[in-house]
Amino acid sequence: LEQFKTLYNHKFDDDYLEKTRIRFCLQCSTGLRFSDMYRITPKMINDNRIIIKPVKTERHNITAEIDLNQFSIEILANLNFDTSGLKIENAPYNRNIKTMFEKMQTDKPDMKFRADYGSHCGRDTFISICVQAGVDFKTILTWTGQSSYSILDRYISTTNQYKAGQMQKAFI
């Protein structure tokens, strides 16, 4: 979460890195897949919630209902709730993410950013932040448009600090 907030508040002078930061932060704050990130239109947003049928799960007729938070609202508002201008092919996006995090390593060496992140890491970050915040899995499944916990589990990673805190909670 701390790395996300640092990236979110960072501004790049290079336009392509700034656009990459916006894309990646949108994924981190909504859990959107790469294939859905540039499909948001104003008509998909109702009561501060994105309602979208993810491209990857269209054949399963799954709808993701993503409640917006302060970060996603600000990003979407700056885009007039239309993400079509964020469209990019996956390979160039991944190269831009690598470059963006290399720059973050230089600009913020104390944050321990890694340069091996890719387009899928935004979704991973969203899910991991939610898990570590104690959001129930049913809600995360609804937000991400996942069909089962076993699939969702692949995206979850926790910090050592979080795990230590969980152990303390278990044995109070």
C-alpha atoms as a PDB file:
ATOM      1  CA  LEU A   1       0.000   0.000   0.000  1.00  0.00           C
ATOM      2  CA  GLU A   2       2.845   2.357   0.836  1.00  0.00           C
ATOM      3  CA  GLN A   3       4.489   1.733  -2.546  1.00  0.00           C
ATOM      4  CA  PHE A   4       1.156   2.239  -4.323  1.00  0.00           C
ATOM      5  CA  LYS A   5       0.575   5.561  -2.573  1.00  0.00           C
ATOM      6  CA  THR A   6       4.121   6.678  -3.365  1.00  0.00           C
ATOM      7  CA  LEU A   7       3.664   5.834  -7.052  1.00  0.00           C
ATOM      8  CA  TYR A   8       0.200   7.404  -7.073  1.00  0.00           C
ATOM      9  CA  ASN A   9       1.576  10.706  -5.749  1.00  0.00           C
ATOM     10  CA  HIS A  10       4.658  10.683  -7.980  1.00  0.00           C
ATOM     11  CA  LYS A  11       4.573  12.721 -11.187  1.00  0.00           C
ATOM     12  CA  PHE A  12       6.773  11.949 -14.187  1.00  0.00           C
ATOM     13  CA  ASP A  13       8.060  14.575 -16.592  1.00  0.00           C
ATOM     14  CA  ASP A  14       7.899  12.111 -19.503  1.00  0.00           C
ATOM     15  CA  ASP A  15       4.358  11.900 -20.867  1.00  0.00           C
ATOM     16  CA  TYR A  16       4.558   8.172 -21.611  1.00  0.00           C
ATOM     17  CA  LEU A  17       5.715   7.383 -18.059  1.00  0.00           C
ATOM     18  CA  GLU A  18       2.986   9.590 -16.609  1.00  0.00           C
ATOM     19  CA  LYS A  19       0.378   7.769 -18.697  1.00  0.00           C
ATOM     20  CA  THR A  20       1.883   4.448 -17.592  1.00  0.00           C
ATOM     21  CA  ARG A  21       1.638   5.582 -13.958  1.00  0.00           C
ATOM     22  CA  ILE A  22      -2.032   6.459 -14.457  1.00  0.00           C
ATOM     23  CA  ARG A  23      -2.780   3.100 -16.109  1.00  0.00           C
ATOM     24  CA  PHE A  24      -0.968   1.136 -13.440  1.00  0.00           C
ATOM     25  CA  CYS A  25      -2.500   3.088 -10.552  1.00  0.00           C
ATOM     26  CA  LEU A  26      -5.955   2.580 -12.057  1.00  0.00           C
ATOM     27  CA  GLN A  27      -5.333  -1.155 -12.094  1.00  0.00           C
ATOM     28  CA  CYS A  28      -3.998  -1.073  -8.518  1.00  0.00           C
ATOM     29  CA  SER A  29      -7.043   0.857  -7.279  1.00  0.00           C
ATOM     30  CA  THR A  30      -9.724  -1.117  -9.149  1.00  0.00           C
ATOM     31  CA  GLY A  31      -8.329  -4.575  -9.865  1.00  0.00           C
ATOM     32  CA  LEU A  32      -9.110  -4.144 -13.562  1.00  0.00           C
ATOM     33  CA  ARG A  33      -7.403  -6.536 -15.940  1.00  0.00           C
ATOM     34  CA  PHE A  34      -5.215  -5.075 -18.664  1.00  0.00           C
ATOM     35  CA  SER A  35      -7.853  -6.033 -21.248  1.00  0.00           C
ATOM     36  CA  ASP A  36     -10.570  -4.034 -19.434  1.00  0.00           C
ATOM     37  CA  MET A  37      -8.584  -1.009 -18.289  1.00  0.00           C
ATOM     38  CA  TYR A  38      -9.321   1.101 -21.391  1.00  0.00           C
ATOM     39  CA  ARG A  39     -12.980   0.031 -21.790  1.00  0.00           C
ATOM     40  CA  ILE A  40     -14.553   2.203 -19.070  1.00  0.00           C
ATOM     41  CA  THR A  41     -17.123   4.741 -20.233  1.00  0.00           C
ATOM     42  CA  PRO A  42     -19.330   7.075 -18.183  1.00  0.00           C
ATOM     43  CA  LYS A  43     -22.386   4.848 -18.724  1.00  0.00           C
ATOM     44  CA  MET A  44     -20.591   1.968 -16.931  1.00  0.00           C
ATOM     45  CA  ILE A  45     -20.376   3.961 -13.705  1.00  0.00           C
ATOM     46  CA  ASN A  46     -23.419   3.968 -11.431  1.00  0.00           C
ATOM     47  CA  ASP A  47     -23.503   5.055  -7.785  1.00  0.00           C
ATOM     48  CA  ASN A  48     -19.678   5.228  -7.606  1.00  0.00           C
ATOM     49  CA  ARG A  49     -19.384   1.697  -8.964  1.00  0.00           C
ATOM     50  CA  ILE A  50     -17.991   0.389 -12.253  1.00  0.00           C
ATOM     51  CA  ILE A  51     -20.214  -2.303 -13.734  1.00  0.00           C
ATOM     52  CA  ILE A  52     -18.281  -4.225 -16.384  1.00  0.00           C
ATOM     53  CA  LYS A  53     -18.357  -7.629 -18.038  1.00  0.00           C
ATOM     54  CA  PRO A  54     -14.649  -8.516 -18.169  1.00  0.00           C
ATOM     55  CA  VAL A  55     -13.409  -9.549 -21.607  1.00  0.00           C
ATOM     56  CA  LYS A  56     -11.611 -12.590 -20.194  1.00  0.00           C
ATOM     57  CA  THR A  57     -14.747 -14.019 -18.555  1.00  0.00           C
ATOM     58  CA  GLU A  58     -17.405 -12.980 -21.113  1.00  0.00           C
ATOM     59  CA  ARG A  59     -18.215 -16.597 -21.934  1.00  0.00           C
ATOM     60  CA  HIS A  60     -18.961 -17.220 -18.232  1.00  0.00           C
ATOM     61  CA  ASN A  61     -21.348 -14.250 -18.078  1.00  0.00           C
ATOM     62  CA  ILE A  62     -19.581 -12.788 -15.048  1.00  0.00           C
ATOM     63  CA  THR A  63     -20.052  -9.140 -14.182  1.00  0.00           C
ATOM     64  CA  ALA A  64     -17.524  -7.280 -12.071  1.00  0.00           C
ATOM     65  CA  GLU A  65     -18.963  -4.601  -9.798  1.00  0.00           C
ATOM     66  CA  ILE A  66     -16.078  -2.433  -8.645  1.00  0.00           C
ATOM     67  CA  ASP A  67     -16.813   0.099  -5.938  1.00  0.00           C
ATOM     68  CA  LEU A  68     -14.703   3.194  -6.457  1.00  0.00           C
ATOM     69  CA  ASN A  69     -12.316   4.550  -3.842  1.00  0.00           C
ATOM     70  CA  GLN A  70     -10.605   7.926  -3.469  1.00  0.00           C
ATOM     71  CA  PHE A  71      -7.795   6.927  -5.837  1.00  0.00           C
ATOM     72  CA  SER A  72      -9.895   5.403  -8.610  1.00  0.00           C
ATOM     73  CA  ILE A  73     -12.413   8.266  -8.444  1.00  0.00           C
ATOM     74  CA  GLU A  74      -9.668  10.863  -8.863  1.00  0.00           C
ATOM     75  CA  ILE A  75      -8.053   9.004 -11.775  1.00  0.00           C
ATOM     76  CA  LEU A  76     -11.376   8.457 -13.531  1.00  0.00           C
ATOM     77  CA  ALA A  77     -12.532  12.029 -12.935  1.00  0.00           C
ATOM     78  CA  ASN A  78      -9.309  13.307 -14.546  1.00  0.00           C
ATOM     79  CA  LEU A  79     -10.155  11.098 -17.553  1.00  0.00           C
ATOM     80  CA  ASN A  80     -13.795  12.274 -17.639  1.00  0.00           C
ATOM     81  CA  PHE A  81     -14.735   8.690 -16.698  1.00  0.00           C
ATOM     82  CA  ASP A  82     -13.610   7.505 -20.155  1.00  0.00           C
ATOM     83  CA  THR A  83     -10.499   5.324 -20.215  1.00  0.00           C
ATOM     84  CA  SER A  84     -10.372   4.803 -23.984  1.00  0.00           C
ATOM     85  CA  GLY A  85      -7.356   7.122 -24.153  1.00  0.00           C
ATOM     86  CA  LEU A  86      -5.387   4.629 -22.044  1.00  0.00           C
ATOM     87  CA  LYS A  87      -5.396   1.932 -24.735  1.00  0.00           C
ATOM     88  CA  ILE A  88      -1.987   0.419 -25.435  1.00  0.00           C
ATOM     89  CA  GLU A  89      -0.762  -2.999 -26.551  1.00  0.00           C
ATOM     90  CA  ASN A  90       0.410  -5.296 -23.774  1.00  0.00           C
ATOM     91  CA  ALA A  91       4.086  -5.591 -24.813  1.00  0.00           C
ATOM     92  CA  PRO A  92       4.746  -1.817 -24.956  1.00  0.00           C
ATOM     93  CA  TYR A  93       2.806  -1.371 -21.704  1.00  0.00           C
ATOM     94  CA  ASN A  94       5.004  -3.947 -19.983  1.00  0.00           C
ATOM     95  CA  ARG A  95       8.165  -2.248 -21.310  1.00  0.00           C
ATOM     96  CA  ASN A  96       6.859   1.094 -20.023  1.00  0.00           C
ATOM     97  CA  ILE A  97       6.072  -0.413 -16.613  1.00  0.00           C
ATOM     98  CA  LYS A  98       9.626  -1.769 -16.394  1.00  0.00           C
ATOM     99  CA  THR A  99      11.050   1.660 -17.295  1.00  0.00           C
ATOM    100  CA  MET A 100       8.683   3.388 -14.856  1.00  0.00           C
ATOM    101  CA  PHE A 101       9.798   1.191 -11.954  1.00  0.00           C
ATOM    102  CA  GLU A 102      13.473   1.525 -12.897  1.00  0.00           C
ATOM    103  CA  LYS A 103      12.930   5.284 -12.597  1.00  0.00           C
ATOM    104  CA  MET A 104      11.110   4.799  -9.275  1.00  0.00           C
ATOM    105  CA  GLN A 105      14.090   2.758  -8.003  1.00  0.00           C
ATOM    106  CA  THR A 106      16.320   5.735  -8.791  1.00  0.00           C
ATOM    107  CA  ASP A 107      13.923   8.386  -7.457  1.00  0.00           C
ATOM    108  CA  LYS A 108      12.865   6.478  -4.319  1.00  0.00           C
ATOM    109  CA  PRO A 109      15.590   3.924  -3.479  1.00  0.00           C
ATOM    110  CA  ASP A 110      14.323   3.530   0.097  1.00  0.00           C
ATOM    111  CA  MET A 111      10.967   2.194  -1.189  1.00  0.00           C
ATOM    112  CA  LYS A 112      12.528  -0.966  -2.718  1.00  0.00           C
ATOM    113  CA  PHE A 113      10.570  -0.797  -5.980  1.00  0.00           C
ATOM    114  CA  ARG A 114      11.341  -3.683  -8.329  1.00  0.00           C
ATOM    115  CA  ALA A 115      11.676  -3.388 -12.094  1.00  0.00           C
ATOM    116  CA  ASP A 116      10.236  -6.825 -12.856  1.00  0.00           C
ATOM    117  CA  TYR A 117       6.587  -5.772 -12.524  1.00  0.00           C
ATOM    118  CA  GLY A 118       4.229  -6.230 -15.464  1.00  0.00           C
ATOM    119  CA  SER A 119       0.669  -5.438 -16.470  1.00  0.00           C
ATOM    120  CA  HIS A 120      -0.706  -8.188 -14.240  1.00  0.00           C
ATOM    121  CA  CYS A 121       0.920  -6.754 -11.118  1.00  0.00           C
ATOM    122  CA  GLY A 122      -1.618  -3.944 -10.791  1.00  0.00           C
ATOM    123  CA  ARG A 123      -4.388  -6.495 -10.309  1.00  0.00           C
ATOM    124  CA  ASP A 124      -2.194  -8.493  -7.914  1.00  0.00           C
ATOM    125  CA  THR A 125      -1.544  -5.336  -5.921  1.00  0.00           C
ATOM    126  CA  PHE A 126      -5.246  -4.506  -5.701  1.00  0.00           C
ATOM    127  CA  ILE A 127      -6.147  -7.976  -4.451  1.00  0.00           C
ATOM    128  CA  SER A 128      -3.251  -8.107  -1.976  1.00  0.00           C
ATOM    129  CA  ILE A 129      -4.085  -4.660  -0.577  1.00  0.00           C
ATOM    130  CA  CYS A 130      -7.706  -5.756  -0.101  1.00  0.00           C
ATOM    131  CA  VAL A 131      -6.734  -9.025   1.606  1.00  0.00           C
ATOM    132  CA  GLN A 132      -4.293  -7.279   3.951  1.00  0.00           C
ATOM    133  CA  ALA A 133      -6.967  -4.699   4.793  1.00  0.00           C
ATOM    134  CA  GLY A 134      -9.309  -7.522   5.851  1.00  0.00           C
ATOM    135  CA  VAL A 135     -11.815  -7.271   2.989  1.00  0.00           C
ATOM    136  CA  ASP A 136     -13.847 -10.478   2.784  1.00  0.00           C
ATOM    137  CA  PHE A 137     -13.162 -12.756  -0.169  1.00  0.00           C
ATOM    138  CA  LYS A 138     -16.732 -12.685  -1.482  1.00  0.00           C
ATOM    139  CA  THR A 139     -16.466  -8.905  -1.948  1.00  0.00           C
ATOM    140  CA  ILE A 140     -13.058  -9.184  -3.624  1.00  0.00           C
ATOM    141  CA  LEU A 141     -14.492 -11.820  -5.976  1.00  0.00           C
ATOM    142  CA  THR A 142     -17.317  -9.419  -6.896  1.00  0.00           C
ATOM    143  CA  TRP A 143     -14.935  -6.521  -7.508  1.00  0.00           C
ATOM    144  CA  THR A 144     -12.519  -8.541  -9.631  1.00  0.00           C
ATOM    145  CA  GLY A 145     -15.047 -10.621 -11.531  1.00  0.00           C
ATOM    146  CA  GLN A 146     -13.363 -13.832 -10.416  1.00  0.00           C
ATOM    147  CA  SER A 147     -15.427 -16.984 -10.327  1.00  0.00           C
ATOM    148  CA  SER A 148     -13.737 -18.813  -7.450  1.00  0.00           C
ATOM    149  CA  TYR A 149     -11.438 -18.406  -4.498  1.00  0.00           C
ATOM    150  CA  SER A 150      -8.932 -20.891  -5.965  1.00  0.00           C
ATOM    151  CA  ILE A 151      -8.379 -18.563  -8.926  1.00  0.00           C
ATOM    152  CA  LEU A 152      -8.283 -15.482  -6.692  1.00  0.00           C
ATOM    153  CA  ASP A 153      -5.695 -17.147  -4.446  1.00  0.00           C
ATOM    154  CA  ARG A 154      -3.095 -17.001  -7.260  1.00  0.00           C
ATOM    155  CA  TYR A 155      -3.075 -13.200  -7.005  1.00  0.00           C
ATOM    156  CA  ILE A 156      -2.652 -12.893  -3.249  1.00  0.00           C
ATOM    157  CA  SER A 157       0.662 -12.080  -1.649  1.00  0.00           C
ATOM    158  CA  THR A 158       1.195 -10.762   1.844  1.00  0.00           C
ATOM    159  CA  THR A 159       4.055  -8.945   3.486  1.00  0.00           C
ATOM    160  CA  ASN A 160       6.062 -10.375   6.354  1.00  0.00           C
ATOM    161  CA  GLN A 161       4.791  -7.517   8.523  1.00  0.00           C
ATOM    162  CA  TYR A 162       1.193  -8.495   7.753  1.00  0.00           C
ATOM    163  CA  LYS A 163       1.840 -12.181   8.489  1.00  0.00           C
ATOM    164  CA  ALA A 164       3.499 -11.319  11.802  1.00  0.00           C
ATOM    165  CA  GLY A 165       0.517  -9.157  12.723  1.00  0.00           C
ATOM    166  CA  GLN A 166      -1.859 -11.993  11.882  1.00  0.00           C
ATOM    167  CA  MET A 167       0.078 -14.338  14.169  1.00  0.00           C
ATOM    168  CA  GLN A 168      -0.166 -11.786  16.984  1.00  0.00           C
ATOM    169  CA  LYS A 169      -3.947 -11.555  16.419  1.00  0.00           C
ATOM    170  CA  ALA A 170      -4.261 -15.328  16.563  1.00  0.00           C
ATOM    171  CA  PHE A 171      -2.457 -15.684  19.880  1.00  0.00           C
ATOM    172  CA  ILE A 172      -3.618 -12.683  21.899  1.00  0.00           C
END
